[in-house]
Amino acid sequence: MFKKWKLVLATSALLVGGSVGLAAAKGHRGHGDRKAMKEKFDLNKDGQLDDAERAQMKQAFGAMRAEKKAEMLQKHDANRNGVLDPAERQAMQTARAEARFAKLDTNRDGSISRAELAAGHQGHGRGGMKQRP
């Protein structure tokens, strides 16, 4: 059981770290393609975001963050005090790791093979892992 948790945590850390590194290398900051964002918020279509457009974008991102926080609290705030206590935060992280592990462990054998890990990397801009000899 402990070995499984170590694998879950290690896999999650690798996937998160790799995704963040890849996004940073591609110039993403977690909100998708810069060109698409500029098109969405460039209301006067001059190719630049002026102060008002930037303020509107900042407000939209703030609303998205608030919505995600509300969803997270609704799901994981067991005592309904509006704050995630350390135990609730740990439970949330555990639930996320278990969900990610379950998604990667496609044959449900309780472990993640290299093939399953490589398949899990597909669609994340990595093209899968190369097989070692």
N, C-alpha and C. Protein backbone atom coordinates (compact mmCIF):
# COMPACT_ATOMS: atom_id res chain seq x y z
N MET A 1 0.83 -1.20 0.00
CA MET A 1 0.00 0.00 0.00
C MET A 1 0.87 1.25 0.00
N PHE A 2 1.89 1.28 0.86
CA PHE A 2 2.78 2.44 0.94
C PHE A 2 3.52 2.63 -0.38
N LYS A 3 3.90 1.53 -1.01
CA LYS A 3 4.61 1.58 -2.28
C LYS A 3 3.72 2.22 -3.35
N LYS A 4 2.44 1.89 -3.31
CA LYS A 4 1.49 2.45 -4.27
C LYS A 4 1.38 3.97 -4.10
N TRP A 5 1.31 4.44 -2.85
CA TRP A 5 1.21 5.87 -2.58
C TRP A 5 2.46 6.60 -3.03
N LYS A 6 3.62 6.00 -2.79
CA LYS A 6 4.86 6.62 -3.24
C LYS A 6 4.85 6.77 -4.75
N LEU A 7 4.37 5.74 -5.45
CA LEU A 7 4.29 5.78 -6.90
C LEU A 7 3.31 6.86 -7.36
N VAL A 8 2.17 6.95 -6.68
CA VAL A 8 1.17 7.96 -7.03
C VAL A 8 1.76 9.35 -6.87
N LEU A 9 2.39 9.60 -5.76
CA LEU A 9 2.95 10.93 -5.51
C LEU A 9 4.10 11.25 -6.46
N ALA A 10 4.95 10.28 -6.71
CA ALA A 10 6.07 10.50 -7.63
C ALA A 10 5.57 10.76 -9.04
N THR A 11 4.58 9.99 -9.47
CA THR A 11 4.02 10.17 -10.81
C THR A 11 3.35 11.54 -10.92
N SER A 12 2.59 11.90 -9.91
CA SER A 12 1.93 13.21 -9.94
C SER A 12 2.94 14.34 -10.01
N ALA A 13 4.00 14.23 -9.21
CA ALA A 13 5.03 15.27 -9.20
C ALA A 13 5.70 15.37 -10.57
N LEU A 14 5.99 14.23 -11.18
CA LEU A 14 6.61 14.24 -12.50
C LEU A 14 5.70 14.87 -13.54
N LEU A 15 4.44 14.50 -13.52
CA LEU A 15 3.50 15.03 -14.50
C LEU A 15 3.28 16.53 -14.32
N VAL A 16 3.11 16.95 -13.10
CA VAL A 16 2.92 18.39 -12.84
C VAL A 16 4.17 19.17 -13.21
N GLY A 17 5.32 18.70 -12.76
CA GLY A 17 6.56 19.39 -13.06
C GLY A 17 6.84 19.43 -14.54
N GLY A 18 6.62 18.33 -15.22
CA GLY A 18 6.84 18.29 -16.67
C GLY A 18 5.89 19.19 -17.42
N SER A 19 4.64 19.21 -17.01
CA SER A 19 3.66 20.08 -17.67
C SER A 19 3.99 21.54 -17.48
N VAL A 20 4.39 21.90 -16.27
CA VAL A 20 4.75 23.30 -15.99
C VAL A 20 5.99 23.68 -16.80
N GLY A 21 6.97 22.81 -16.82
CA GLY A 21 8.19 23.09 -17.57
C GLY A 21 7.92 23.22 -19.06
N LEU A 22 7.09 22.34 -19.58
CA LEU A 22 6.76 22.38 -20.99
C LEU A 22 5.98 23.65 -21.31
N ALA A 23 5.04 24.00 -20.47
CA ALA A 23 4.26 25.22 -20.69
C ALA A 23 5.17 26.44 -20.65
N ALA A 24 6.09 26.47 -19.71
CA ALA A 24 7.01 27.60 -19.61
C ALA A 24 7.90 27.69 -20.85
N ALA A 25 8.34 26.53 -21.33
CA ALA A 25 9.20 26.50 -22.51
C ALA A 25 8.46 27.00 -23.75
N LYS A 26 7.15 26.76 -23.80
CA LYS A 26 6.35 27.19 -24.94
C LYS A 26 5.81 28.59 -24.76
N GLY A 27 6.08 29.21 -23.62
CA GLY A 27 5.62 30.58 -23.40
C GLY A 27 4.22 30.67 -22.84
N HIS A 28 3.64 29.57 -22.38
CA HIS A 28 2.30 29.59 -21.81
C HIS A 28 2.39 29.92 -20.33
N ARG A 29 1.37 30.54 -19.82
CA ARG A 29 1.30 30.86 -18.41
C ARG A 29 0.07 30.24 -17.78
N GLY A 30 -0.41 29.12 -18.32
CA GLY A 30 -1.52 28.42 -17.72
C GLY A 30 -2.88 28.83 -18.24
N HIS A 31 -2.96 29.78 -19.15
CA HIS A 31 -4.26 30.22 -19.64
C HIS A 31 -4.39 30.02 -21.14
N GLY A 32 -3.58 29.16 -21.72
CA GLY A 32 -3.72 28.85 -23.13
C GLY A 32 -2.86 29.72 -24.02
N ASP A 33 -3.23 29.75 -25.25
CA ASP A 33 -2.49 30.42 -26.31
C ASP A 33 -2.59 31.94 -26.19
N ARG A 34 -1.46 32.62 -26.23
CA ARG A 34 -1.44 34.08 -26.12
C ARG A 34 -2.22 34.74 -27.26
N LYS A 35 -2.08 34.20 -28.46
CA LYS A 35 -2.77 34.78 -29.61
C LYS A 35 -4.29 34.70 -29.42
N ALA A 36 -4.76 33.57 -28.96
CA ALA A 36 -6.20 33.42 -28.73
C ALA A 36 -6.69 34.36 -27.64
N MET A 37 -5.88 34.53 -26.58
CA MET A 37 -6.27 35.46 -25.52
C MET A 37 -6.30 36.89 -26.04
N LYS A 38 -5.31 37.24 -26.83
CA LYS A 38 -5.27 38.60 -27.36
C LYS A 38 -6.50 38.85 -28.24
N GLU A 39 -6.86 37.86 -29.06
CA GLU A 39 -8.04 38.01 -29.91
C GLU A 39 -9.30 38.14 -29.08
N LYS A 40 -9.38 37.41 -27.99
CA LYS A 40 -10.58 37.44 -27.16
C LYS A 40 -10.74 38.79 -26.47
N PHE A 41 -9.66 39.35 -25.96
CA PHE A 41 -9.76 40.57 -25.16
C PHE A 41 -9.42 41.85 -25.93
N ASP A 42 -8.92 41.74 -27.15
CA ASP A 42 -8.62 42.91 -27.97
C ASP A 42 -9.91 43.37 -28.65
N LEU A 43 -10.71 44.10 -27.91
CA LEU A 43 -12.04 44.48 -28.38
C LEU A 43 -12.01 45.43 -29.58
N ASN A 44 -11.02 46.30 -29.65
CA ASN A 44 -10.95 47.24 -30.77
C ASN A 44 -10.15 46.67 -31.95
N LYS A 45 -9.67 45.47 -31.81
CA LYS A 45 -8.97 44.72 -32.87
C LYS A 45 -7.78 45.47 -33.47
N ASP A 46 -7.02 46.17 -32.59
CA ASP A 46 -5.83 46.88 -33.06
C ASP A 46 -4.56 46.05 -32.89
N GLY A 47 -4.69 44.83 -32.41
CA GLY A 47 -3.53 43.96 -32.23
C GLY A 47 -2.81 44.15 -30.93
N GLN A 48 -3.25 45.09 -30.11
CA GLN A 48 -2.63 45.37 -28.81
C GLN A 48 -3.72 45.41 -27.74
N LEU A 49 -3.33 45.07 -26.52
CA LEU A 49 -4.25 45.21 -25.40
C LEU A 49 -3.97 46.52 -24.71
N ASP A 50 -4.94 47.43 -24.75
CA ASP A 50 -4.76 48.70 -24.04
C ASP A 50 -5.11 48.49 -22.57
N ASP A 51 -4.99 49.53 -21.78
CA ASP A 51 -5.20 49.42 -20.34
C ASP A 51 -6.60 48.91 -19.99
N ALA A 52 -7.61 49.40 -20.67
CA ALA A 52 -8.99 48.97 -20.40
C ALA A 52 -9.18 47.50 -20.74
N GLU A 53 -8.60 47.06 -21.86
CA GLU A 53 -8.71 45.65 -22.26
C GLU A 53 -7.96 44.75 -21.29
N ARG A 54 -6.78 45.21 -20.85
CA ARG A 54 -6.02 44.44 -19.86
C ARG A 54 -6.79 44.33 -18.55
N ALA A 55 -7.42 45.42 -18.14
CA ALA A 55 -8.22 45.41 -16.91
C ALA A 55 -9.37 44.42 -17.04
N GLN A 56 -10.00 44.39 -18.21
CA GLN A 56 -11.10 43.45 -18.44
C GLN A 56 -10.59 42.01 -18.41
N MET A 57 -9.42 41.76 -18.99
CA MET A 57 -8.83 40.42 -18.97
C MET A 57 -8.50 40.01 -17.52
N LYS A 58 -7.92 40.94 -16.78
CA LYS A 58 -7.58 40.65 -15.38
C LYS A 58 -8.83 40.33 -14.57
N GLN A 59 -9.90 41.08 -14.82
CA GLN A 59 -11.16 40.83 -14.12
C GLN A 59 -11.73 39.45 -14.50
N ALA A 60 -11.64 39.09 -15.77
CA ALA A 60 -12.14 37.78 -16.22
C ALA A 60 -11.34 36.66 -15.57
N PHE A 61 -10.01 36.80 -15.51
CA PHE A 61 -9.19 35.78 -14.88
C PHE A 61 -9.48 35.68 -13.39
N GLY A 62 -9.70 36.83 -12.74
CA GLY A 62 -10.06 36.83 -11.33
C GLY A 62 -11.37 36.10 -11.09
N ALA A 63 -12.33 36.31 -11.97
CA ALA A 63 -13.62 35.61 -11.85
C ALA A 63 -13.45 34.11 -12.03
N MET A 64 -12.59 33.71 -12.98
CA MET A 64 -12.35 32.28 -13.19
C MET A 64 -11.69 31.67 -11.95
N ARG A 65 -10.71 32.38 -11.37
CA ARG A 65 -10.06 31.87 -10.16
C ARG A 65 -11.05 31.75 -9.01
N ALA A 66 -11.91 32.75 -8.86
CA ALA A 66 -12.91 32.71 -7.79
C ALA A 66 -13.87 31.55 -7.98
N GLU A 67 -14.25 31.30 -9.23
CA GLU A 67 -15.15 30.17 -9.52
C GLU A 67 -14.49 28.84 -9.19
N LYS A 68 -13.21 28.69 -9.59
CA LYS A 68 -12.49 27.45 -9.28
C LYS A 68 -12.33 27.26 -7.77
N LYS A 69 -12.05 28.36 -7.06
CA LYS A 69 -11.91 28.27 -5.62
C LYS A 69 -13.22 27.86 -4.97
N ALA A 70 -14.33 28.43 -5.44
CA ALA A 70 -15.65 28.08 -4.90
C ALA A 70 -15.96 26.60 -5.15
N GLU A 71 -15.63 26.11 -6.34
CA GLU A 71 -15.84 24.69 -6.65
C GLU A 71 -14.99 23.81 -5.74
N MET A 72 -13.72 24.21 -5.55
CA MET A 72 -12.82 23.44 -4.70
C MET A 72 -13.33 23.41 -3.27
N LEU A 73 -13.77 24.56 -2.75
CA LEU A 73 -14.30 24.60 -1.39
C LEU A 73 -15.56 23.77 -1.26
N GLN A 74 -16.44 23.86 -2.25
CA GLN A 74 -17.68 23.08 -2.22
C GLN A 74 -17.38 21.59 -2.13
N LYS A 75 -16.37 21.18 -2.85
CA LYS A 75 -16.04 19.75 -2.91
C LYS A 75 -15.23 19.27 -1.71
N HIS A 76 -14.30 20.08 -1.20
CA HIS A 76 -13.33 19.59 -0.21
C HIS A 76 -13.43 20.20 1.19
N ASP A 77 -14.23 21.25 1.37
CA ASP A 77 -14.33 21.89 2.68
C ASP A 77 -15.35 21.13 3.53
N ALA A 78 -14.88 20.09 4.21
CA ALA A 78 -15.77 19.19 4.95
C ALA A 78 -16.52 19.88 6.08
N ASN A 79 -15.88 20.80 6.79
CA ASN A 79 -16.54 21.44 7.92
C ASN A 79 -17.25 22.74 7.52
N ARG A 80 -17.23 23.08 6.23
CA ARG A 80 -17.94 24.23 5.68
C ARG A 80 -17.62 25.55 6.37
N ASN A 81 -16.32 25.75 6.72
CA ASN A 81 -15.93 27.01 7.34
C ASN A 81 -15.34 28.00 6.34
N GLY A 82 -15.34 27.63 5.05
CA GLY A 82 -14.87 28.53 4.01
C GLY A 82 -13.38 28.52 3.79
N VAL A 83 -12.66 27.65 4.50
CA VAL A 83 -11.20 27.55 4.40
C VAL A 83 -10.82 26.08 4.39
N LEU A 84 -9.82 25.74 3.60
CA LEU A 84 -9.32 24.37 3.64
C LEU A 84 -8.31 24.25 4.76
N ASP A 85 -8.66 23.46 5.75
CA ASP A 85 -7.75 23.17 6.84
C ASP A 85 -6.66 22.23 6.33
N PRO A 86 -5.55 22.08 7.05
CA PRO A 86 -4.49 21.18 6.58
C PRO A 86 -4.99 19.76 6.27
N ALA A 87 -5.86 19.23 7.09
CA ALA A 87 -6.38 17.87 6.84
C ALA A 87 -7.23 17.84 5.57
N GLU A 88 -8.04 18.88 5.35
CA GLU A 88 -8.87 18.94 4.15
C GLU A 88 -8.01 19.12 2.91
N ARG A 89 -6.97 19.93 3.03
CA ARG A 89 -6.05 20.13 1.91
C ARG A 89 -5.34 18.82 1.55
N GLN A 90 -4.92 18.09 2.58
CA GLN A 90 -4.27 16.80 2.35
C GLN A 90 -5.23 15.82 1.68
N ALA A 91 -6.49 15.81 2.14
CA ALA A 91 -7.50 14.94 1.54
C ALA A 91 -7.73 15.31 0.07
N MET A 92 -7.74 16.61 -0.24
CA MET A 92 -7.91 17.07 -1.62
C MET A 92 -6.74 16.60 -2.48
N GLN A 93 -5.52 16.77 -1.97
CA GLN A 93 -4.34 16.35 -2.73
C GLN A 93 -4.34 14.84 -2.94
N THR A 94 -4.75 14.10 -1.92
CA THR A 94 -4.81 12.65 -2.03
C THR A 94 -5.85 12.24 -3.07
N ALA A 95 -7.01 12.89 -3.05
CA ALA A 95 -8.07 12.57 -4.01
C ALA A 95 -7.60 12.86 -5.44
N ARG A 96 -6.91 13.98 -5.63
CA ARG A 96 -6.39 14.31 -6.96
C ARG A 96 -5.35 13.29 -7.42
N ALA A 97 -4.46 12.90 -6.51
CA ALA A 97 -3.44 11.91 -6.86
C ALA A 97 -4.07 10.57 -7.20
N GLU A 98 -5.08 10.17 -6.42
CA GLU A 98 -5.77 8.90 -6.69
C GLU A 98 -6.47 8.95 -8.04
N ALA A 99 -7.09 10.08 -8.36
CA ALA A 99 -7.78 10.21 -9.64
C ALA A 99 -6.79 10.14 -10.79
N ARG A 100 -5.65 10.81 -10.64
CA ARG A 100 -4.64 10.78 -11.69
C ARG A 100 -4.07 9.37 -11.85
N PHE A 101 -3.83 8.69 -10.72
CA PHE A 101 -3.32 7.33 -10.77
C PHE A 101 -4.33 6.43 -11.49
N ALA A 102 -5.60 6.56 -11.13
CA ALA A 102 -6.64 5.73 -11.75
C ALA A 102 -6.72 5.99 -13.25
N LYS A 103 -6.54 7.24 -13.64
CA LYS A 103 -6.58 7.58 -15.06
C LYS A 103 -5.40 6.97 -15.82
N LEU A 104 -4.23 6.96 -15.18
CA LEU A 104 -3.04 6.39 -15.82
C LEU A 104 -3.06 4.86 -15.82
N ASP A 105 -3.56 4.26 -14.76
CA ASP A 105 -3.57 2.80 -14.62
C ASP A 105 -4.73 2.21 -15.40
N THR A 106 -4.59 2.19 -16.72
CA THR A 106 -5.70 1.80 -17.59
C THR A 106 -6.09 0.33 -17.47
N ASN A 107 -5.16 -0.54 -17.10
CA ASN A 107 -5.51 -1.96 -16.97
C ASN A 107 -5.90 -2.33 -15.54
N ARG A 108 -5.93 -1.36 -14.64
CA ARG A 108 -6.39 -1.51 -13.26
C ARG A 108 -5.67 -2.61 -12.48
N ASP A 109 -4.34 -2.71 -12.70
CA ASP A 109 -3.56 -3.71 -11.97
C ASP A 109 -2.87 -3.14 -10.73
N GLY A 110 -3.09 -1.88 -10.43
CA GLY A 110 -2.51 -1.27 -9.25
C GLY A 110 -1.12 -0.71 -9.44
N SER A 111 -0.62 -0.75 -10.66
CA SER A 111 0.68 -0.15 -10.94
C SER A 111 0.63 0.49 -12.33
N ILE A 112 1.56 1.40 -12.55
CA ILE A 112 1.59 2.10 -13.83
C ILE A 112 2.82 1.64 -14.60
N SER A 113 2.58 1.03 -15.74
CA SER A 113 3.68 0.57 -16.59
C SER A 113 4.22 1.74 -17.39
N ARG A 114 5.38 1.53 -18.00
CA ARG A 114 5.95 2.58 -18.86
C ARG A 114 5.00 2.92 -19.99
N ALA A 115 4.33 1.90 -20.53
CA ALA A 115 3.40 2.14 -21.64
C ALA A 115 2.22 3.00 -21.17
N GLU A 116 1.70 2.72 -19.98
CA GLU A 116 0.60 3.51 -19.45
C GLU A 116 1.04 4.95 -19.18
N LEU A 117 2.25 5.10 -18.65
CA LEU A 117 2.79 6.42 -18.37
C LEU A 117 2.99 7.19 -19.67
N ALA A 118 3.52 6.52 -20.68
CA ALA A 118 3.72 7.15 -21.99
C ALA A 118 2.38 7.55 -22.60
N ALA A 119 1.39 6.68 -22.48
CA ALA A 119 0.05 6.99 -23.01
C ALA A 119 -0.54 8.17 -22.26
N GLY A 120 -0.28 8.28 -20.97
CA GLY A 120 -0.76 9.40 -20.18
C GLY A 120 -0.12 10.71 -20.57
N HIS A 121 1.07 10.65 -21.14
CA HIS A 121 1.77 11.86 -21.58
C HIS A 121 1.29 12.32 -22.94
N GLN A 122 0.64 11.43 -23.69
CA GLN A 122 0.10 11.81 -25.00
C GLN A 122 -0.89 12.95 -24.80
N GLY A 123 -0.87 13.92 -25.68
CA GLY A 123 -1.78 15.03 -25.58
C GLY A 123 -1.29 16.14 -24.67
N HIS A 124 -0.13 15.95 -24.05
CA HIS A 124 0.44 16.98 -23.20
C HIS A 124 1.64 17.63 -23.89
N GLY A 125 1.71 17.48 -25.20
CA GLY A 125 2.78 18.12 -25.95
C GLY A 125 4.09 17.37 -25.91
N ARG A 126 4.09 16.18 -25.33
CA ARG A 126 5.35 15.44 -25.19
C ARG A 126 5.50 14.37 -26.26
N GLY A 127 4.40 13.88 -26.77
CA GLY A 127 4.48 12.83 -27.78
C GLY A 127 4.85 11.49 -27.19
N GLY A 128 4.73 11.34 -25.89
CA GLY A 128 5.04 10.07 -25.26
C GLY A 128 6.48 9.97 -24.84
N MET A 129 6.78 8.93 -24.12
CA MET A 129 8.15 8.72 -23.63
C MET A 129 8.86 7.78 -24.61
N LYS A 130 10.14 8.00 -24.79
CA LYS A 130 10.93 7.11 -25.63
C LYS A 130 11.29 5.87 -24.83
N GLN A 131 11.23 4.74 -25.47
CA GLN A 131 11.57 3.49 -24.82
C GLN A 131 13.08 3.36 -24.71
N ARG A 132 13.51 2.95 -23.54
CA ARG A 132 14.94 2.69 -23.34
C ARG A 132 15.26 1.26 -23.78
N PRO A 133 16.46 1.04 -24.25
CA PRO A 133 16.82 -0.33 -24.65
C PRO A 133 16.95 -1.23 -23.45
